[in-house]
Each structure stands twice: as structure tokens, then as C-alpha cells.
PDB file of N, CA and C in Angstrom:
ATOM      1  N   MET A   1       0.820  -1.192   0.000  1.00  0.00           N
ATOM      2  CA  MET A   1       0.000   0.000   0.000  1.00  0.00           C
ATOM      3  C   MET A   1       0.868   1.261   0.000  1.00  0.00           C
ATOM      4  N   ARG A   2       1.885   1.287   0.811  1.00  0.00           N
ATOM      5  CA  ARG A   2       2.762   2.465   0.859  1.00  0.00           C
ATOM      6  C   ARG A   2       3.495   2.658  -0.465  1.00  0.00           C
ATOM      7  N   ALA A   3       3.864   1.578  -1.112  1.00  0.00           N
ATOM      8  CA  ALA A   3       4.579   1.691  -2.384  1.00  0.00           C
ATOM      9  C   ALA A   3       3.679   2.305  -3.448  1.00  0.00           C
ATOM     10  N   GLU A   4       2.395   1.983  -3.422  1.00  0.00           N
ATOM     11  CA  GLU A   4       1.468   2.556  -4.389  1.00  0.00           C
ATOM     12  C   GLU A   4       1.343   4.060  -4.204  1.00  0.00           C
ATOM     13  N   ARG A   5       1.255   4.487  -2.945  1.00  0.00           N
ATOM     14  CA  ARG A   5       1.114   5.918  -2.678  1.00  0.00           C
ATOM     15  C   ARG A   5       2.393   6.661  -3.072  1.00  0.00           C
ATOM     16  N   ALA A   6       3.523   6.052  -2.868  1.00  0.00           N
ATOM     17  CA  ALA A   6       4.788   6.703  -3.210  1.00  0.00           C
ATOM     18  C   ALA A   6       4.966   6.805  -4.719  1.00  0.00           C
ATOM     19  N   ALA A   7       4.340   5.915  -5.477  1.00  0.00           N
ATOM     20  CA  ALA A   7       4.503   5.901  -6.924  1.00  0.00           C
ATOM     21  C   ALA A   7       3.646   6.945  -7.627  1.00  0.00           C
ATOM     22  N   ARG A   8       2.654   7.521  -6.923  1.00  0.00           N
ATOM     23  CA  ARG A   8       1.782   8.518  -7.554  1.00  0.00           C
ATOM     24  C   ARG A   8       2.590   9.763  -7.906  1.00  0.00           C
ATOM     25  N   PRO A   9       2.372  10.311  -9.093  1.00  0.00           N
ATOM     26  CA  PRO A   9       3.082  11.541  -9.457  1.00  0.00           C
ATOM     27  C   PRO A   9       2.557  12.730  -8.669  1.00  0.00           C
ATOM     28  N   ARG A  10       3.463  13.642  -8.348  1.00  0.00           N
ATOM     29  CA  ARG A  10       3.059  14.865  -7.660  1.00  0.00           C
ATOM     30  C   ARG A  10       2.545  15.855  -8.690  1.00  0.00           C
ATOM     31  N   PRO A  11       1.694  16.775  -8.259  1.00  0.00           N
ATOM     32  CA  PRO A  11       1.110  17.736  -9.208  1.00  0.00           C
ATOM     33  C   PRO A  11       2.175  18.602  -9.882  1.00  0.00           C
ATOM     34  N   MET A  12       1.936  18.894 -11.138  1.00  0.00           N
ATOM     35  CA  MET A  12       2.857  19.696 -11.932  1.00  0.00           C
ATOM     36  C   MET A  12       2.901  21.141 -11.453  1.00  0.00           C
ATOM     37  N   ALA A  13       1.795  21.653 -10.934  1.00  0.00           N
ATOM     38  CA  ALA A  13       1.736  23.054 -10.505  1.00  0.00           C
ATOM     39  C   ALA A  13       2.747  23.334  -9.405  1.00  0.00           C
ATOM     40  N   GLY A  14       2.868  22.437  -8.433  1.00  0.00           N
ATOM     41  CA  GLY A  14       3.843  22.621  -7.356  1.00  0.00           C
ATOM     42  C   GLY A  14       5.264  22.645  -7.877  1.00  0.00           C
ATOM     43  N   TRP A  15       5.558  21.750  -8.800  1.00  0.00           N
ATOM     44  CA  TRP A  15       6.897  21.696  -9.396  1.00  0.00           C
ATOM     45  C   TRP A  15       7.203  22.995 -10.136  1.00  0.00           C
ATOM     46  N   LEU A  16       6.232  23.446 -10.931  1.00  0.00           N
ATOM     47  CA  LEU A  16       6.421  24.655 -11.722  1.00  0.00           C
ATOM     48  C   LEU A  16       6.555  25.898 -10.831  1.00  0.00           C
ATOM     49  N   LEU A  17       5.703  26.010  -9.813  1.00  0.00           N
ATOM     50  CA  LEU A  17       5.792  27.153  -8.904  1.00  0.00           C
ATOM     51  C   LEU A  17       7.101  27.156  -8.123  1.00  0.00           C
ATOM     52  N   GLN A  18       7.621  25.974  -7.803  1.00  0.00           N
ATOM     53  CA  GLN A  18       8.913  25.893  -7.112  1.00  0.00           C
ATOM     54  C   GLN A  18      10.022  26.461  -7.997  1.00  0.00           C
ATOM     55  N   ARG A  19       9.996  26.128  -9.278  1.00  0.00           N
ATOM     56  CA  ARG A  19      11.014  26.646 -10.215  1.00  0.00           C
ATOM     57  C   ARG A  19      10.848  28.142 -10.425  1.00  0.00           C
ATOM     58  N   MET A  20       9.597  28.587 -10.560  1.00  0.00           N
ATOM     59  CA  MET A  20       9.357  30.018 -10.779  1.00  0.00           C
ATOM     60  C   MET A  20       9.762  30.840  -9.557  1.00  0.00           C
ATOM     61  N   SER A  21       9.429  30.360  -8.369  1.00  0.00           N
ATOM     62  CA  SER A  21       9.816  31.093  -7.166  1.00  0.00           C
ATOM     63  C   SER A  21      11.333  31.070  -7.001  1.00  0.00           C
ATOM     64  N   GLY A  22      11.970  29.982  -7.384  1.00  0.00           N
ATOM     65  CA  GLY A  22      13.435  29.917  -7.326  1.00  0.00           C
ATOM     66  C   GLY A  22      14.088  30.923  -8.259  1.00  0.00           C
ATOM     67  N   LEU A  23      13.559  31.047  -9.471  1.00  0.00           N
ATOM     68  CA  LEU A  23      14.093  32.041 -10.409  1.00  0.00           C
ATOM     69  C   LEU A  23      13.883  33.457  -9.891  1.00  0.00           C
ATOM     70  N   MET A  24      12.715  33.691  -9.289  1.00  0.00           N
ATOM     71  CA  MET A  24      12.442  35.013  -8.726  1.00  0.00           C
ATOM     72  C   MET A  24      13.415  35.314  -7.590  1.00  0.00           C
ATOM     73  N   LEU A  25      13.728  34.309  -6.777  1.00  0.00           N
ATOM     74  CA  LEU A  25      14.658  34.501  -5.661  1.00  0.00           C
ATOM     75  C   LEU A  25      16.086  34.745  -6.147  1.00  0.00           C
ATOM     76  N   VAL A  26      16.483  34.104  -7.231  1.00  0.00           N
ATOM     77  CA  VAL A  26      17.818  34.369  -7.800  1.00  0.00           C
ATOM     78  C   VAL A  26      17.897  35.822  -8.258  1.00  0.00           C
ATOM     79  N   TYR A  27      16.855  36.284  -8.940  1.00  0.00           N
ATOM     80  CA  TYR A  27      16.798  37.678  -9.372  1.00  0.00           C
ATOM     81  C   TYR A  27      16.812  38.618  -8.163  1.00  0.00           C
ATOM     82  N   ALA A  28      15.977  38.305  -7.151  1.00  0.00           N
ATOM     83  CA  ALA A  28      15.885  39.158  -5.959  1.00  0.00           C
ATOM     84  C   ALA A  28      17.218  39.216  -5.223  1.00  0.00           C
ATOM     85  N   LEU A  29      17.923  38.099  -5.164  1.00  0.00           N
ATOM     86  CA  LEU A  29      19.233  38.099  -4.514  1.00  0.00           C
ATOM     87  C   LEU A  29      20.212  38.987  -5.273  1.00  0.00           C
ATOM     88  N   GLY A  30      20.183  38.919  -6.592  1.00  0.00           N
ATOM     89  CA  GLY A  30      21.048  39.783  -7.395  1.00  0.00           C
ATOM     90  C   GLY A  30      20.744  41.255  -7.171  1.00  0.00           C
ATOM     91  N   VAL A  31      19.456  41.600  -7.157  1.00  0.00           N
ATOM     92  CA  VAL A  31      19.048  42.992  -6.905  1.00  0.00           C
ATOM     93  C   VAL A  31      19.500  43.420  -5.516  1.00  0.00           C
ATOM     94  N   HIS A  32      19.297  42.552  -4.539  1.00  0.00           N
ATOM     95  CA  HIS A  32      19.691  42.869  -3.160  1.00  0.00           C
ATOM     96  C   HIS A  32      21.201  43.106  -3.065  1.00  0.00           C
ATOM     97  N   LEU A  33      21.985  42.198  -3.602  1.00  0.00           N
ATOM     98  CA  LEU A  33      23.443  42.337  -3.520  1.00  0.00           C
ATOM     99  C   LEU A  33      23.922  43.589  -4.249  1.00  0.00           C
ATOM    100  N   TRP A  34      23.364  43.864  -5.420  1.00  0.00           N
ATOM    101  CA  TRP A  34      23.744  45.058  -6.177  1.00  0.00           C
ATOM    102  C   TRP A  34      23.401  46.329  -5.392  1.00  0.00           C
ATOM    103  N   THR A  35      22.202  46.361  -4.843  1.00  0.00           N
ATOM    104  CA  THR A  35      21.755  47.550  -4.120  1.00  0.00           C
ATOM    105  C   THR A  35      22.575  47.784  -2.858  1.00  0.00           C
ATOM    106  N   VAL A  36      22.790  46.736  -2.092  1.00  0.00           N
ATOM    107  CA  VAL A  36      23.478  46.883  -0.808  1.00  0.00           C
ATOM    108  C   VAL A  36      24.974  47.127  -0.987  1.00  0.00           C
ATOM    109  N   HIS A  37      25.611  46.435  -1.917  1.00  0.00           N
ATOM    110  CA  HIS A  37      27.069  46.488  -2.012  1.00  0.00           C
ATOM    111  C   HIS A  37      27.602  47.448  -3.069  1.00  0.00           C
ATOM    112  N   VAL A  38      26.770  47.882  -3.997  1.00  0.00           N
ATOM    113  CA  VAL A  38      27.249  48.793  -5.039  1.00  0.00           C
ATOM    114  C   VAL A  38      26.562  50.159  -4.918  1.00  0.00           C
ATOM    115  N   VAL A  39      25.240  50.163  -4.963  1.00  0.00           N
ATOM    116  CA  VAL A  39      24.506  51.426  -4.966  1.00  0.00           C
ATOM    117  C   VAL A  39      24.619  52.142  -3.619  1.00  0.00           C
ATOM    118  N   ASP A  40      24.367  51.420  -2.522  1.00  0.00           N
ATOM    119  CA  ASP A  40      24.366  52.031  -1.190  1.00  0.00           C
ATOM    120  C   ASP A  40      25.615  51.666  -0.387  1.00  0.00           C
ATOM    121  N   SER A  41      26.682  51.349  -1.041  1.00  0.00           N
ATOM    122  CA  SER A  41      27.899  50.907  -0.359  1.00  0.00           C
ATOM    123  C   SER A  41      28.361  51.930   0.679  1.00  0.00           C
ATOM    124  N   GLY A  42      28.358  51.515   1.932  1.00  0.00           N
ATOM    125  CA  GLY A  42      28.818  52.361   3.018  1.00  0.00           C
ATOM    126  C   GLY A  42      27.809  53.394   3.484  1.00  0.00           C
ATOM    127  N   ARG A  43      26.646  53.488   2.839  1.00  0.00           N
ATOM    128  CA  ARG A  43      25.648  54.499   3.205  1.00  0.00           C
ATOM    129  C   ARG A  43      24.346  53.870   3.680  1.00  0.00           C
ATOM    130  N   LEU A  44      24.333  52.605   3.978  1.00  0.00           N
ATOM    131  CA  LEU A  44      23.095  51.920   4.316  1.00  0.00           C
ATOM    132  C   LEU A  44      22.717  52.200   5.766  1.00  0.00           C
ATOM    133  N   THR A  45      21.671  52.980   5.941  1.00  0.00           N
ATOM    134  CA  THR A  45      21.149  53.306   7.258  1.00  0.00           C
ATOM    135  C   THR A  45      19.641  53.087   7.246  1.00  0.00           C
ATOM    136  N   TRP A  46      19.048  53.169   8.411  1.00  0.00           N
ATOM    137  CA  TRP A  46      17.599  53.032   8.523  1.00  0.00           C
ATOM    138  C   TRP A  46      16.891  54.085   7.676  1.00  0.00           C
ATOM    139  N   GLU A  47      17.402  55.288   7.686  1.00  0.00           N
ATOM    140  CA  GLU A  47      16.786  56.377   6.931  1.00  0.00           C
ATOM    141  C   GLU A  47      16.851  56.117   5.419  1.00  0.00           C
ATOM    142  N   VAL A  48      17.978  55.595   4.952  1.00  0.00           N
ATOM    143  CA  VAL A  48      18.138  55.291   3.528  1.00  0.00           C
ATOM    144  C   VAL A  48      17.143  54.215   3.107  1.00  0.00           C
ATOM    145  N   ILE A  49      17.002  53.185   3.926  1.00  0.00           N
ATOM    146  CA  ILE A  49      16.091  52.082   3.602  1.00  0.00           C
ATOM    147  C   ILE A  49      14.644  52.557   3.579  1.00  0.00           C
ATOM    148  N   THR A  50      14.221  53.283   4.609  1.00  0.00           N
ATOM    149  CA  THR A  50      12.832  53.736   4.641  1.00  0.00           C
ATOM    150  C   THR A  50      12.549  54.739   3.527  1.00  0.00           C
ATOM    151  N   ALA A  51      13.508  55.613   3.227  1.00  0.00           N
ATOM    152  CA  ALA A  51      13.306  56.565   2.132  1.00  0.00           C
ATOM    153  C   ALA A  51      13.147  55.834   0.800  1.00  0.00           C
ATOM    154  N   ARG A  52      13.963  54.815   0.576  1.00  0.00           N
ATOM    155  CA  ARG A  52      13.873  54.053  -0.669  1.00  0.00           C
ATOM    156  C   ARG A  52      12.512  53.370  -0.783  1.00  0.00           C
ATOM    157  N   LEU A  53      12.024  52.790   0.300  1.00  0.00           N
ATOM    158  CA  LEU A  53      10.735  52.097   0.269  1.00  0.00           C
ATOM    159  C   LEU A  53       9.569  53.058   0.116  1.00  0.00           C
ATOM    160  N   GLN A  54       9.672  54.245   0.688  1.00  0.00           N
ATOM    161  CA  GLN A  54       8.563  55.191   0.637  1.00  0.00           C
ATOM    162  C   GLN A  54       8.542  56.014  -0.645  1.00  0.00           C
ATOM    163  N   ASP A  55       9.685  56.195  -1.275  1.00  0.00           N
ATOM    164  CA  ASP A  55       9.753  57.055  -2.456  1.00  0.00           C
ATOM    165  C   ASP A  55       9.589  56.313  -3.775  1.00  0.00           C
ATOM    166  N   ASP A  56       9.717  55.007  -3.765  1.00  0.00           N
ATOM    167  CA  ASP A  56       9.691  54.269  -5.019  1.00  0.00           C
ATOM    168  C   ASP A  56       8.742  53.076  -4.897  1.00  0.00           C
ATOM    169  N   ALA A  57       7.675  53.087  -5.670  1.00  0.00           N
ATOM    170  CA  ALA A  57       6.683  52.007  -5.628  1.00  0.00           C
ATOM    171  C   ALA A  57       7.278  50.678  -6.105  1.00  0.00           C
ATOM    172  N   MET A  58       8.332  50.727  -6.901  1.00  0.00           N
ATOM    173  CA  MET A  58       8.958  49.485  -7.376  1.00  0.00           C
ATOM    174  C   MET A  58       9.557  48.689  -6.212  1.00  0.00           C
ATOM    175  N   TRP A  59      10.125  49.392  -5.232  1.00  0.00           N
ATOM    176  CA  TRP A  59      10.680  48.684  -4.076  1.00  0.00           C
ATOM    177  C   TRP A  59       9.569  48.060  -3.254  1.00  0.00           C
ATOM    178  N   SER A  60       8.452  48.730  -3.142  1.00  0.00           N
ATOM    179  CA  SER A  60       7.310  48.158  -2.429  1.00  0.00           C
ATOM    180  C   SER A  60       6.848  46.884  -3.133  1.00  0.00           C
ATOM    181  N   ALA A  61       6.718  46.940  -4.443  1.00  0.00           N
ATOM    182  CA  ALA A  61       6.320  45.760  -5.216  1.00  0.00           C
ATOM    183  C   ALA A  61       7.354  44.650  -5.081  1.00  0.00           C
ATOM    184  N   TYR A  62       8.627  45.019  -5.085  1.00  0.00           N
ATOM    185  CA  TYR A  62       9.716  44.054  -4.930  1.00  0.00           C
ATOM    186  C   TYR A  62       9.539  43.255  -3.639  1.00  0.00           C
ATOM    187  N   TYR A  63       9.347  43.955  -2.531  1.00  0.00           N
ATOM    188  CA  TYR A  63       9.219  43.255  -1.255  1.00  0.00           C
ATOM    189  C   TYR A  63       7.889  42.528  -1.120  1.00  0.00           C
ATOM    190  N   LEU A  64       6.825  43.059  -1.705  1.00  0.00           N
ATOM    191  CA  LEU A  64       5.539  42.383  -1.639  1.00  0.00           C
ATOM    192  C   LEU A  64       5.518  41.106  -2.483  1.00  0.00           C
ATOM    193  N   LEU A  65       6.416  40.988  -3.460  1.00  0.00           N
ATOM    194  CA  LEU A  65       6.573  39.746  -4.220  1.00  0.00           C
ATOM    195  C   LEU A  65       7.645  38.846  -3.608  1.00  0.00           C
ATOM    196  N   PHE A  66       8.651  39.454  -3.025  1.00  0.00           N
ATOM    197  CA  PHE A  66       9.776  38.707  -2.468  1.00  0.00           C
ATOM    198  C   PHE A  66       9.366  37.851  -1.275  1.00  0.00           C
ATOM    199  N   VAL A  67       8.621  38.425  -0.347  1.00  0.00           N
ATOM    200  CA  VAL A  67       8.255  37.695   0.873  1.00  0.00           C
ATOM    201  C   VAL A  67       7.428  36.439   0.556  1.00  0.00           C
ATOM    202  N   PRO A  68       6.365  36.521  -0.241  1.00  0.00           N
ATOM    203  CA  PRO A  68       5.626  35.284  -0.555  1.00  0.00           C
ATOM    204  C   PRO A  68       6.466  34.271  -1.334  1.00  0.00           C
ATOM    205  N   ALA A  69       7.359  34.743  -2.189  1.00  0.00           N
ATOM    206  CA  ALA A  69       8.209  33.810  -2.936  1.00  0.00           C
ATOM    207  C   ALA A  69       9.122  33.032  -1.999  1.00  0.00           C
ATOM    208  N   VAL A  70       9.696  33.710  -1.015  1.00  0.00           N
ATOM    209  CA  VAL A  70      10.566  33.035  -0.045  1.00  0.00           C
ATOM    210  C   VAL A  70       9.770  32.014   0.764  1.00  0.00           C
ATOM    211  N   VAL A  71       8.611  32.428   1.259  1.00  0.00           N
ATOM    212  CA  VAL A  71       7.799  31.537   2.090  1.00  0.00           C
ATOM    213  C   VAL A  71       7.360  30.318   1.279  1.00  0.00           C
ATOM    214  N   TYR A  72       6.855  30.542   0.065  1.00  0.00           N
ATOM    215  CA  TYR A  72       6.406  29.414  -0.747  1.00  0.00           C
ATOM    216  C   TYR A  72       7.570  28.477  -1.085  1.00  0.00           C
ATOM    217  N   HIS A  73       8.685  29.048  -1.527  1.00  0.00           N
ATOM    218  CA  HIS A  73       9.821  28.235  -1.950  1.00  0.00           C
ATOM    219  C   HIS A  73      10.351  27.373  -0.795  1.00  0.00           C
ATOM    220  N   ALA A  74      10.470  27.982   0.379  1.00  0.00           N
ATOM    221  CA  ALA A  74      10.977  27.242   1.533  1.00  0.00           C
ATOM    222  C   ALA A  74       9.983  26.157   1.972  1.00  0.00           C
ATOM    223  N   ALA A  75       8.721  26.515   2.106  1.00  0.00           N
ATOM    224  CA  ALA A  75       7.722  25.549   2.571  1.00  0.00           C
ATOM    225  C   ALA A  75       7.544  24.406   1.570  1.00  0.00           C
ATOM    226  N   ASN A  76       7.491  24.722   0.294  1.00  0.00           N
ATOM    227  CA  ASN A  76       7.322  23.679  -0.717  1.00  0.00           C
ATOM    228  C   ASN A  76       8.561  22.782  -0.799  1.00  0.00           C
ATOM    229  N   GLY A  77       9.724  23.355  -0.620  1.00  0.00           N
ATOM    230  CA  GLY A  77      10.949  22.552  -0.624  1.00  0.00           C
ATOM    231  C   GLY A  77      10.994  21.576   0.537  1.00  0.00           C
ATOM    232  N   VAL A  78      10.664  22.050   1.724  1.00  0.00           N
ATOM    233  CA  VAL A  78      10.648  21.159   2.888  1.00  0.00           C
ATOM    234  C   VAL A  78       9.517  20.146   2.757  1.00  0.00           C
ATOM    235  N   TRP A  79       8.382  20.555   2.195  1.00  0.00           N
ATOM    236  CA  TRP A  79       7.276  19.622   1.964  1.00  0.00           C
ATOM    237  C   TRP A  79       7.705  18.493   1.025  1.00  0.00           C
ATOM    238  N   GLY A  80       8.487  18.823   0.004  1.00  0.00           N
ATOM    239  CA  GLY A  80       9.007  17.797  -0.897  1.00  0.00           C
ATOM    240  C   GLY A  80       9.887  16.794  -0.162  1.00  0.00           C
ATOM    241  N   ILE A  81      10.675  17.282   0.780  1.00  0.00           N
ATOM    242  CA  ILE A  81      11.510  16.379   1.585  1.00  0.00           C
ATOM    243  C   ILE A  81      10.630  15.490   2.451  1.00  0.00           C
ATOM    244  N   VAL A  82       9.584  16.072   3.048  1.00  0.00           N
ATOM    245  CA  VAL A  82       8.646  15.282   3.859  1.00  0.00           C
ATOM    246  C   VAL A  82       8.030  14.178   3.004  1.00  0.00           C
ATOM    247  N   LEU A  83       7.616  14.510   1.788  1.00  0.00           N
ATOM    248  CA  LEU A  83       6.994  13.505   0.923  1.00  0.00           C
ATOM    249  C   LEU A  83       7.974  12.409   0.523  1.00  0.00           C
ATOM    250  N   ASP A  84       9.255  12.725   0.439  1.00  0.00           N
ATOM    251  CA  ASP A  84      10.253  11.700   0.143  1.00  0.00           C
ATOM    252  C   ASP A  84      10.292  10.612   1.215  1.00  0.00           C
ATOM    253  N   TYR A  85       9.964  10.979   2.438  1.00  0.00           N
ATOM    254  CA  TYR A  85       9.947  10.007   3.531  1.00  0.00           C
ATOM    255  C   TYR A  85       8.633   9.249   3.625  1.00  0.00           C
ATOM    256  N   ASN A  86       7.655   9.619   2.783  1.00  0.00           N
ATOM    257  CA  ASN A  86       6.384   8.906   2.664  1.00  0.00           C
ATOM    258  C   ASN A  86       5.708   8.667   4.020  1.00  0.00           C
ATOM    259  N   PRO A  87       5.341   9.748   4.713  1.00  0.00           N
ATOM    260  CA  PRO A  87       4.710   9.572   6.037  1.00  0.00           C
ATOM    261  C   PRO A  87       3.314   8.966   5.906  1.00  0.00           C
ATOM    262  N   PRO A  88       2.829   8.362   6.976  1.00  0.00           N
ATOM    263  CA  PRO A  88       1.458   7.824   6.951  1.00  0.00           C
ATOM    264  C   PRO A  88       0.446   8.942   6.708  1.00  0.00           C
ATOM    265  N   PRO A  89      -0.722   8.600   6.196  1.00  0.00           N
ATOM    266  CA  PRO A  89      -1.715   9.625   5.820  1.00  0.00           C
ATOM    267  C   PRO A  89      -2.067  10.612   6.933  1.00  0.00           C
ATOM    268  N   ARG A  90      -2.246  10.143   8.164  1.00  0.00           N
ATOM    269  CA  ARG A  90      -2.618  11.062   9.255  1.00  0.00           C
ATOM    270  C   ARG A  90      -1.489  12.047   9.548  1.00  0.00           C
ATOM    271  N   LEU A  91      -0.269  11.569   9.566  1.00  0.00           N
ATOM    272  CA  LEU A  91       0.867  12.456   9.813  1.00  0.00           C
ATOM    273  C   LEU A  91       1.040  13.425   8.651  1.00  0.00           C
ATOM    274  N   ARG A  92       0.863  12.939   7.437  1.00  0.00           N
ATOM    275  CA  ARG A  92       0.971  13.794   6.257  1.00  0.00           C
ATOM    276  C   ARG A  92      -0.056  14.926   6.320  1.00  0.00           C
ATOM    277  N   ARG A  93      -1.284  14.594   6.681  1.00  0.00           N
ATOM    278  CA  ARG A  93      -2.337  15.596   6.799  1.00  0.00           C
ATOM    279  C   ARG A  93      -2.003  16.621   7.882  1.00  0.00           C
ATOM    280  N   ALA A  94      -1.528  16.136   9.040  1.00  0.00           N
ATOM    281  CA  ALA A  94      -1.171  17.038  10.135  1.00  0.00           C
ATOM    282  C   ALA A  94      -0.017  17.953   9.729  1.00  0.00           C
ATOM    283  N   LEU A  95       0.966  17.408   9.037  1.00  0.00           N
ATOM    284  CA  LEU A  95       2.098  18.227   8.585  1.00  0.00           C
ATOM    285  C   LEU A  95       1.660  19.250   7.534  1.00  0.00           C
ATOM    286  N   LEU A  96       0.756  18.854   6.664  1.00  0.00           N
ATOM    287  CA  LEU A  96       0.257  19.785   5.658  1.00  0.00           C
ATOM    288  C   LEU A  96      -0.459  20.968   6.318  1.00  0.00           C
ATOM    289  N   VAL A  97      -1.284  20.678   7.311  1.00  0.00           N
ATOM    290  CA  VAL A  97      -1.959  21.748   8.052  1.00  0.00           C
ATOM    291  C   VAL A  97      -0.926  22.636   8.748  1.00  0.00           C
ATOM    292  N   ALA A  98       0.088  22.020   9.352  1.00  0.00           N
ATOM    293  CA  ALA A  98       1.134  22.793  10.036  1.00  0.00           C
ATOM    294  C   ALA A  98       1.901  23.667   9.046  1.00  0.00           C
ATOM    295  N   PHE A  99       2.189  23.136   7.869  1.00  0.00           N
ATOM    296  CA  PHE A  99       2.913  23.920   6.860  1.00  0.00           C
ATOM    297  C   PHE A  99       2.073  25.108   6.395  1.00  0.00           C
ATOM    298  N   TRP A 100       0.783  24.885   6.146  1.00  0.00           N
ATOM    299  CA  TRP A 100      -0.093  25.980   5.727  1.00  0.00           C
ATOM    300  C   TRP A 100      -0.192  27.038   6.818  1.00  0.00           C
ATOM    301  N   ALA A 101      -0.381  26.599   8.054  1.00  0.00           N
ATOM    302  CA  ALA A 101      -0.489  27.549   9.167  1.00  0.00           C
ATOM    303  C   ALA A 101       0.817  28.324   9.333  1.00  0.00           C
ATOM    304  N   GLY A 102       1.940  27.629   9.260  1.00  0.00           N
ATOM    305  CA  GLY A 102       3.234  28.296   9.376  1.00  0.00           C
ATOM    306  C   GLY A 102       3.481  29.266   8.236  1.00  0.00           C
ATOM    307  N   GLY A 103       3.123  28.867   7.018  1.00  0.00           N
ATOM    308  CA  GLY A 103       3.303  29.748   5.867  1.00  0.00           C
ATOM    309  C   GLY A 103       2.454  31.002   5.967  1.00  0.00           C
ATOM    310  N   LEU A 104       1.202  30.835   6.363  1.00  0.00           N
ATOM    311  CA  LEU A 104       0.328  32.003   6.533  1.00  0.00           C
ATOM    312  C   LEU A 104       0.813  32.903   7.663  1.00  0.00           C
ATOM    313  N   ALA A 105       1.319  32.288   8.736  1.00  0.00           N
ATOM    314  CA  ALA A 105       1.865  33.088   9.843  1.00  0.00           C
ATOM    315  C   ALA A 105       3.089  33.874   9.381  1.00  0.00           C
ATOM    316  N   LEU A 106       3.964  33.257   8.605  1.00  0.00           N
ATOM    317  CA  LEU A 106       5.152  33.957   8.101  1.00  0.00           C
ATOM    318  C   LEU A 106       4.779  35.072   7.131  1.00  0.00           C
ATOM    319  N   LEU A 107       3.797  34.825   6.269  1.00  0.00           N
ATOM    320  CA  LEU A 107       3.339  35.881   5.363  1.00  0.00           C
ATOM    321  C   LEU A 107       2.755  37.060   6.132  1.00  0.00           C
ATOM    322  N   THR A 108       1.966  36.765   7.149  1.00  0.00           N
ATOM    323  CA  THR A 108       1.380  37.826   7.975  1.00  0.00           C
ATOM    324  C   THR A 108       2.475  38.603   8.700  1.00  0.00           C
ATOM    325  N   TYR A 109       3.416  37.893   9.270  1.00  0.00           N
ATOM    326  CA  TYR A 109       4.538  38.528   9.968  1.00  0.00           C
ATOM    327  C   TYR A 109       5.343  39.408   9.008  1.00  0.00           C
ATOM    328  N   GLY A 110       5.621  38.890   7.822  1.00  0.00           N
ATOM    329  CA  GLY A 110       6.362  39.665   6.829  1.00  0.00           C
ATOM    330  C   GLY A 110       5.610  40.903   6.382  1.00  0.00           C
ATOM    331  N   TYR A 111       4.303  40.751   6.186  1.00  0.00           N
ATOM    332  CA  TYR A 111       3.489  41.897   5.766  1.00  0.00           C
ATOM    333  C   TYR A 111       3.469  42.971   6.848  1.00  0.00           C
ATOM    334  N   PHE A 112       3.211  42.569   8.087  1.00  0.00           N
ATOM    335  CA  PHE A 112       3.151  43.559   9.156  1.00  0.00           C
ATOM    336  C   PHE A 112       4.530  44.117   9.497  1.00  0.00           C
ATOM    337  N   GLY A 113       5.582  43.382   9.150  1.00  0.00           N
ATOM    338  CA  GLY A 113       6.928  43.916   9.361  1.00  0.00           C
ATOM    339  C   GLY A 113       7.299  44.982   8.357  1.00  0.00           C
ATOM    340  N   ILE A 114       6.847  44.829   7.118  1.00  0.00           N
ATOM    341  CA  ILE A 114       7.210  45.783   6.070  1.00  0.00           C
ATOM    342  C   ILE A 114       6.200  46.915   5.956  1.00  0.00           C
ATOM    343  N   ARG A 115       4.985  46.698   6.422  1.00  0.00           N
ATOM    344  CA  ARG A 115       3.925  47.698   6.281  1.00  0.00           C
ATOM    345  C   ARG A 115       4.279  49.070   6.862  1.00  0.00           C
ATOM    346  N   PRO A 116       4.834  49.158   8.065  1.00  0.00           N
ATOM    347  CA  PRO A 116       5.180  50.491   8.597  1.00  0.00           C
ATOM    348  C   PRO A 116       6.234  51.205   7.763  1.00  0.00           C
ATOM    349  N   LEU A 117       7.073  50.445   7.077  1.00  0.00           N
ATOM    350  CA  LEU A 117       8.115  51.061   6.260  1.00  0.00           C
ATOM    351  C   LEU A 117       7.559  51.628   4.956  1.00  0.00           C
ATOM    352  N   LEU A 118       6.419  51.122   4.530  1.00  0.00           N
ATOM    353  CA  LEU A 118       5.860  51.540   3.254  1.00  0.00           C
ATOM    354  C   LEU A 118       5.009  52.801   3.369  1.00  0.00           C
ATOM    355  N   SER A 119       4.543  53.103   4.561  1.00  0.00           N
ATOM    356  CA  SER A 119       3.675  54.278   4.718  1.00  0.00           C
ATOM    357  C   SER A 119       4.455  55.461   5.255  1.00  0.00           C
ATOM    358  N   ARG A 120       4.012  56.617   4.882  1.00  0.00           N
ATOM    359  CA  ARG A 120       4.715  57.840   5.317  1.00  0.00           C
ATOM    360  C   ARG A 120       4.184  58.297   6.628  1.00  0.00           C
TER     361      ARG A 120
END
């Protein structure tokens, strides 16, 4: 019975979203490194960061896309590892609920963490 469940293919959407979020994170890391080490080299202060977020809507969009991409990519990656171990159905269901709750909590935390920086 366990071998049959392990042989089922996983949905294509999860695989595709994992790759897309990974590509977005590679881009975001490049933007972050360029901004921190080249553009703002030696001038990075709280005031510089808040001014950048408040004066440019692109930075707001960047962070509003970055946070969900990180949460999804990390949670889906760890979920894939969990599925490799083929847990029993009850444990799998409990872990899935825990992953969803944790992901939503992290998204909420990220949103409320960045929200004060976005408003004047």
C-alpha cells in the first residue's frame, strides 16, 4: 500500500511554482546584492532604507513579491523532503496543516513587518 502511494506523481503546478519562485529569488538576490554592495555601499542606514521604500513604488512591489516567494519556496521545498519520507496519511495531513499555518503566519509577519516602512 505504501509503495502505491509513493509511486503517484506529484502535481505539476507545485513543481512549476517551485522553479518560478526559485528564479524570482535568484533575481531578488542579485538585486539585493547590487543595491546593498554597489549602490548604497557604506551608506546603508535606517533612513536610507525607509526613504527608498517610501519614495519608489517598485521597491514596495519588490518586497511584496519577495516575501511570498521566499515563504512558498521554503515551505514547498521542505514539503518535498517530507513527501520523500512517505509519512502515513494522518501524519501527512497534520504536517500539511502545520505547513499551511506556518506559511500564513510567516506571510502575515512579513506583511506587518514591512507595512510600517511603506507608509509615510
